[in-house]
């Protein structure tokens, strides 16, 4: 294997067992990529817009823990649901909150608010990794992208989930 290619792309972290796999499983197929991205990018600030039961956020946090560093990781959600995810009970938030405080409490933070309300918590240019996984209409996703773009660092990466939902 070409050493330059190997140094950039080969990341053994992707073979780690994913620790959190709860319903719904829609993000689980991307979890190895989340681990890879944490290794390749080493973001100092990670923000996820829309976390539901926390599978994707857990993959980012697990990556940081495996790599033995502590970025600031934020999950932003109302934990009430929406027309695509459906509405859900307080038990979902309680489960997510307990899980993250136990395993990743030193660097993970749950912001229980709307995405627009959370904007004030981040300085322009401060986010290295943004995962947009909120309400899955084009209009809502575009609004999230446009409003959070100024918060991205010069090396920032934006992920947008569910771009092909019908």
C-alpha atoms as a PDB file:
ATOM      1  CA  UNK A   1       0.000   0.000   0.000  1.00  0.00           C
ATOM      2  CA  UNK A   2       1.281   3.487  -0.883  1.00  0.00           C
ATOM      3  CA  UNK A   3       2.636   5.040   2.355  1.00  0.00           C
ATOM      4  CA  UNK A   4       1.169   8.470   1.653  1.00  0.00           C
ATOM      5  CA  UNK A   5      -2.262   6.947   0.975  1.00  0.00           C
ATOM      6  CA  UNK A   6      -1.953   4.718   4.018  1.00  0.00           C
ATOM      7  CA  UNK A   7      -0.991   7.591   6.310  1.00  0.00           C
ATOM      8  CA  UNK A   8      -4.040   9.613   5.278  1.00  0.00           C
ATOM      9  CA  UNK A   9      -6.739   6.998   4.801  1.00  0.00           C
ATOM     10  CA  UNK A  10      -5.887   3.843   6.726  1.00  0.00           C
ATOM     11  CA  UNK A  11      -7.338   4.224  10.210  1.00  0.00           C
ATOM     12  CA  UNK A  12      -7.650   1.032  12.310  1.00  0.00           C
ATOM     13  CA  UNK A  13     -10.135   2.825  14.558  1.00  0.00           C
ATOM     14  CA  UNK A  14     -12.888   2.010  12.040  1.00  0.00           C
ATOM     15  CA  UNK A  15     -12.744  -1.637  13.140  1.00  0.00           C
ATOM     16  CA  UNK A  16     -13.727  -0.881  16.729  1.00  0.00           C
ATOM     17  CA  UNK A  17     -17.051  -2.227  17.935  1.00  0.00           C
ATOM     18  CA  UNK A  18     -19.651   0.530  18.161  1.00  0.00           C
ATOM     19  CA  UNK A  19     -20.705   0.931  21.783  1.00  0.00           C
ATOM     20  CA  UNK A  20     -24.154   2.497  21.360  1.00  0.00           C
ATOM     21  CA  UNK A  21     -26.617   0.853  19.007  1.00  0.00           C
ATOM     22  CA  UNK A  22     -30.186   1.688  19.972  1.00  0.00           C
ATOM     23  CA  UNK A  23     -33.360   2.253  17.967  1.00  0.00           C
ATOM     24  CA  UNK A  24     -33.599   3.799  15.432  1.00  0.00           C
ATOM     25  CA  UNK A  25     -30.581   2.313  13.648  1.00  0.00           C
ATOM     26  CA  UNK A  26     -30.530   4.821  10.763  1.00  0.00           C
ATOM     27  CA  UNK A  27     -27.095   6.266  11.629  1.00  0.00           C
ATOM     28  CA  UNK A  28     -25.318   3.086  12.650  1.00  0.00           C
ATOM     29  CA  UNK A  29     -23.989   2.330   9.176  1.00  0.00           C
ATOM     30  CA  UNK A  30     -22.103   5.627   9.297  1.00  0.00           C
ATOM     31  CA  UNK A  31     -20.556   5.051  12.741  1.00  0.00           C
ATOM     32  CA  UNK A  32     -17.221   3.678  11.418  1.00  0.00           C
ATOM     33  CA  UNK A  33     -16.933   6.813   9.279  1.00  0.00           C
ATOM     34  CA  UNK A  34     -17.535   8.931  12.397  1.00  0.00           C
ATOM     35  CA  UNK A  35     -14.643   7.136  14.095  1.00  0.00           C
ATOM     36  CA  UNK A  36     -12.461   7.630  11.010  1.00  0.00           C
ATOM     37  CA  UNK A  37     -13.345  11.311  10.861  1.00  0.00           C
ATOM     38  CA  UNK A  38     -12.518  11.851  14.527  1.00  0.00           C
ATOM     39  CA  UNK A  39      -9.111  10.256  13.928  1.00  0.00           C
ATOM     40  CA  UNK A  40      -8.385  12.094  10.676  1.00  0.00           C
ATOM     41  CA  UNK A  41      -9.681  15.532  11.701  1.00  0.00           C
ATOM     42  CA  UNK A  42      -9.138  15.566  15.496  1.00  0.00           C
ATOM     43  CA  UNK A  43     -11.795  18.268  15.883  1.00  0.00           C
ATOM     44  CA  UNK A  44     -11.638  20.402  19.010  1.00  0.00           C
ATOM     45  CA  UNK A  45     -15.336  21.319  18.851  1.00  0.00           C
ATOM     46  CA  UNK A  46     -18.005  18.928  17.580  1.00  0.00           C
ATOM     47  CA  UNK A  47     -21.656  19.946  17.260  1.00  0.00           C
ATOM     48  CA  UNK A  48     -24.520  17.690  16.294  1.00  0.00           C
ATOM     49  CA  UNK A  49     -27.876  19.198  15.349  1.00  0.00           C
ATOM     50  CA  UNK A  50     -30.487  16.534  16.031  1.00  0.00           C
ATOM     51  CA  UNK A  51     -29.445  13.609  18.203  1.00  0.00           C
ATOM     52  CA  UNK A  52     -32.630  11.684  19.026  1.00  0.00           C
ATOM     53  CA  UNK A  53     -31.399   8.511  20.785  1.00  0.00           C
ATOM     54  CA  UNK A  54     -27.733   9.443  20.418  1.00  0.00           C
ATOM     55  CA  UNK A  55     -26.215   6.808  18.117  1.00  0.00           C
ATOM     56  CA  UNK A  56     -24.332   9.279  15.941  1.00  0.00           C
ATOM     57  CA  UNK A  57     -23.275  11.526  18.813  1.00  0.00           C
ATOM     58  CA  UNK A  58     -22.050   8.449  20.679  1.00  0.00           C
ATOM     59  CA  UNK A  59     -19.882   7.446  17.707  1.00  0.00           C
ATOM     60  CA  UNK A  60     -18.154  10.844  17.717  1.00  0.00           C
ATOM     61  CA  UNK A  61     -17.661  10.704  21.494  1.00  0.00           C
ATOM     62  CA  UNK A  62     -16.452   7.098  21.349  1.00  0.00           C
ATOM     63  CA  UNK A  63     -13.902   8.121  18.735  1.00  0.00           C
ATOM     64  CA  UNK A  64     -12.552  10.867  20.962  1.00  0.00           C
ATOM     65  CA  UNK A  65     -12.321   8.510  23.934  1.00  0.00           C
ATOM     66  CA  UNK A  66     -10.548   5.830  21.891  1.00  0.00           C
ATOM     67  CA  UNK A  67      -8.092   8.456  20.673  1.00  0.00           C
ATOM     68  CA  UNK A  68      -7.553   9.612  24.260  1.00  0.00           C
ATOM     69  CA  UNK A  69      -8.402  13.252  23.769  1.00  0.00           C
ATOM     70  CA  UNK A  70     -11.227  15.440  25.008  1.00  0.00           C
ATOM     71  CA  UNK A  71     -12.766  17.761  22.468  1.00  0.00           C
ATOM     72  CA  UNK A  72     -15.855  19.747  23.389  1.00  0.00           C
ATOM     73  CA  UNK A  73     -18.784  17.762  21.982  1.00  0.00           C
ATOM     74  CA  UNK A  74     -22.301  19.195  21.898  1.00  0.00           C
ATOM     75  CA  UNK A  75     -25.581  17.500  20.989  1.00  0.00           C
ATOM     76  CA  UNK A  76     -28.351  19.995  20.262  1.00  0.00           C
ATOM     77  CA  UNK A  77     -31.924  18.722  20.311  1.00  0.00           C
ATOM     78  CA  UNK A  78     -35.234  19.447  22.004  1.00  0.00           C
ATOM     79  CA  UNK A  79     -35.693  15.702  22.532  1.00  0.00           C
ATOM     80  CA  UNK A  80     -39.366  16.114  21.705  1.00  0.00           C
ATOM     81  CA  UNK A  81     -39.313  14.804  18.128  1.00  0.00           C
ATOM     82  CA  UNK A  82     -40.532  16.203  14.816  1.00  0.00           C
ATOM     83  CA  UNK A  83     -42.776  15.110  11.921  1.00  0.00           C
ATOM     84  CA  UNK A  84     -40.038  12.829  10.505  1.00  0.00           C
ATOM     85  CA  UNK A  85     -38.813  11.249  13.734  1.00  0.00           C
ATOM     86  CA  UNK A  86     -42.222  11.314  15.367  1.00  0.00           C
ATOM     87  CA  UNK A  87     -42.703  12.568  18.887  1.00  0.00           C
ATOM     88  CA  UNK A  88     -41.224  10.699  21.791  1.00  0.00           C
ATOM     89  CA  UNK A  89     -41.405  10.611  25.545  1.00  0.00           C
ATOM     90  CA  UNK A  90     -39.163  12.119  28.189  1.00  0.00           C
ATOM     91  CA  UNK A  91     -37.649   8.642  28.637  1.00  0.00           C
ATOM     92  CA  UNK A  92     -35.604   9.122  25.464  1.00  0.00           C
ATOM     93  CA  UNK A  93     -33.892  12.215  26.853  1.00  0.00           C
ATOM     94  CA  UNK A  94     -33.360  10.589  30.241  1.00  0.00           C
ATOM     95  CA  UNK A  95     -31.700   7.569  28.630  1.00  0.00           C
ATOM     96  CA  UNK A  96     -29.463   9.757  26.434  1.00  0.00           C
ATOM     97  CA  UNK A  97     -28.569  12.018  29.345  1.00  0.00           C
ATOM     98  CA  UNK A  98     -27.619   9.128  31.635  1.00  0.00           C
ATOM     99  CA  UNK A  99     -25.583   7.392  28.934  1.00  0.00           C
ATOM    100  CA  UNK A 100     -23.499  10.434  28.017  1.00  0.00           C
ATOM    101  CA  UNK A 101     -22.940  11.679  31.556  1.00  0.00           C
ATOM    102  CA  UNK A 102     -21.695   8.221  32.578  1.00  0.00           C
ATOM    103  CA  UNK A 103     -19.340   7.519  29.646  1.00  0.00           C
ATOM    104  CA  UNK A 104     -18.404  10.911  28.239  1.00  0.00           C
ATOM    105  CA  UNK A 105     -19.393  13.410  30.922  1.00  0.00           C
ATOM    106  CA  UNK A 106     -16.024  15.140  30.932  1.00  0.00           C
ATOM    107  CA  UNK A 107     -16.369  16.409  27.361  1.00  0.00           C
ATOM    108  CA  UNK A 108     -19.933  15.845  26.102  1.00  0.00           C
ATOM    109  CA  UNK A 109     -22.757  18.328  26.594  1.00  0.00           C
ATOM    110  CA  UNK A 110     -26.450  18.030  25.797  1.00  0.00           C
ATOM    111  CA  UNK A 111     -28.061  21.326  24.841  1.00  0.00           C
ATOM    112  CA  UNK A 112     -31.806  20.886  25.138  1.00  0.00           C
ATOM    113  CA  UNK A 113     -32.994  23.680  22.885  1.00  0.00           C
ATOM    114  CA  UNK A 114     -33.734  24.501  19.275  1.00  0.00           C
ATOM    115  CA  UNK A 115     -30.896  24.785  16.787  1.00  0.00           C
ATOM    116  CA  UNK A 116     -31.461  28.539  16.460  1.00  0.00           C
ATOM    117  CA  UNK A 117     -31.397  28.991  20.237  1.00  0.00           C
ATOM    118  CA  UNK A 118     -28.080  27.117  20.407  1.00  0.00           C
ATOM    119  CA  UNK A 119     -26.344  29.423  17.918  1.00  0.00           C
ATOM    120  CA  UNK A 120     -25.569  31.973  20.648  1.00  0.00           C
ATOM    121  CA  UNK A 121     -23.477  29.355  22.495  1.00  0.00           C
ATOM    122  CA  UNK A 122     -20.828  29.208  19.759  1.00  0.00           C
ATOM    123  CA  UNK A 123     -18.449  31.854  18.458  1.00  0.00           C
ATOM    124  CA  UNK A 124     -17.952  32.363  14.762  1.00  0.00           C
ATOM    125  CA  UNK A 125     -15.144  30.150  13.465  1.00  0.00           C
ATOM    126  CA  UNK A 126     -15.227  27.820  16.486  1.00  0.00           C
ATOM    127  CA  UNK A 127     -16.686  24.532  15.197  1.00  0.00           C
ATOM    128  CA  UNK A 128     -14.488  21.927  13.506  1.00  0.00           C
ATOM    129  CA  UNK A 129     -17.147  19.276  12.910  1.00  0.00           C
ATOM    130  CA  UNK A 130     -20.875  19.894  12.437  1.00  0.00           C
ATOM    131  CA  UNK A 131     -23.348  17.062  11.896  1.00  0.00           C
ATOM    132  CA  UNK A 132     -26.717  18.319  10.628  1.00  0.00           C
ATOM    133  CA  UNK A 133     -29.375  15.693  11.269  1.00  0.00           C
ATOM    134  CA  UNK A 134     -32.519  17.661  12.066  1.00  0.00           C
ATOM    135  CA  UNK A 135     -35.838  17.999  10.299  1.00  0.00           C
ATOM    136  CA  UNK A 136     -35.208  16.521   6.862  1.00  0.00           C
ATOM    137  CA  UNK A 137     -36.783  18.957   4.461  1.00  0.00           C
ATOM    138  CA  UNK A 138     -34.629  20.880   2.015  1.00  0.00           C
ATOM    139  CA  UNK A 139     -35.788  24.181   3.509  1.00  0.00           C
ATOM    140  CA  UNK A 140     -35.017  23.204   7.108  1.00  0.00           C
ATOM    141  CA  UNK A 141     -31.635  21.723   6.205  1.00  0.00           C
ATOM    142  CA  UNK A 142     -30.690  24.774   4.137  1.00  0.00           C
ATOM    143  CA  UNK A 143     -31.658  27.055   7.020  1.00  0.00           C
ATOM    144  CA  UNK A 144     -29.497  25.002   9.394  1.00  0.00           C
ATOM    145  CA  UNK A 145     -26.577  25.030   6.969  1.00  0.00           C
ATOM    146  CA  UNK A 146     -26.807  28.772   6.315  1.00  0.00           C
ATOM    147  CA  UNK A 147     -27.218  29.783   9.950  1.00  0.00           C
ATOM    148  CA  UNK A 148     -24.411  27.526  11.253  1.00  0.00           C
ATOM    149  CA  UNK A 149     -21.899  28.128   8.434  1.00  0.00           C
ATOM    150  CA  UNK A 150     -20.381  31.235  10.100  1.00  0.00           C
ATOM    151  CA  UNK A 151     -19.682  29.100  13.194  1.00  0.00           C
ATOM    152  CA  UNK A 152     -17.370  26.793  11.208  1.00  0.00           C
ATOM    153  CA  UNK A 153     -13.603  26.979  11.576  1.00  0.00           C
ATOM    154  CA  UNK A 154     -11.331  27.307   8.547  1.00  0.00           C
ATOM    155  CA  UNK A 155     -10.737  23.529   8.693  1.00  0.00           C
ATOM    156  CA  UNK A 156     -14.353  22.714   9.514  1.00  0.00           C
ATOM    157  CA  UNK A 157     -16.289  19.796   8.056  1.00  0.00           C
ATOM    158  CA  UNK A 158     -20.078  19.717   7.739  1.00  0.00           C
ATOM    159  CA  UNK A 159     -21.996  16.443   7.484  1.00  0.00           C
ATOM    160  CA  UNK A 160     -25.617  16.449   6.333  1.00  0.00           C
ATOM    161  CA  UNK A 161     -27.604  13.305   7.048  1.00  0.00           C
ATOM    162  CA  UNK A 162     -30.712  12.125   5.187  1.00  0.00           C
ATOM    163  CA  UNK A 163     -30.161  14.037   1.971  1.00  0.00           C
ATOM    164  CA  UNK A 164     -32.128  11.461  -0.003  1.00  0.00           C
ATOM    165  CA  UNK A 165     -35.243  11.036   2.128  1.00  0.00           C
ATOM    166  CA  UNK A 166     -38.481  10.571   0.193  1.00  0.00           C
END
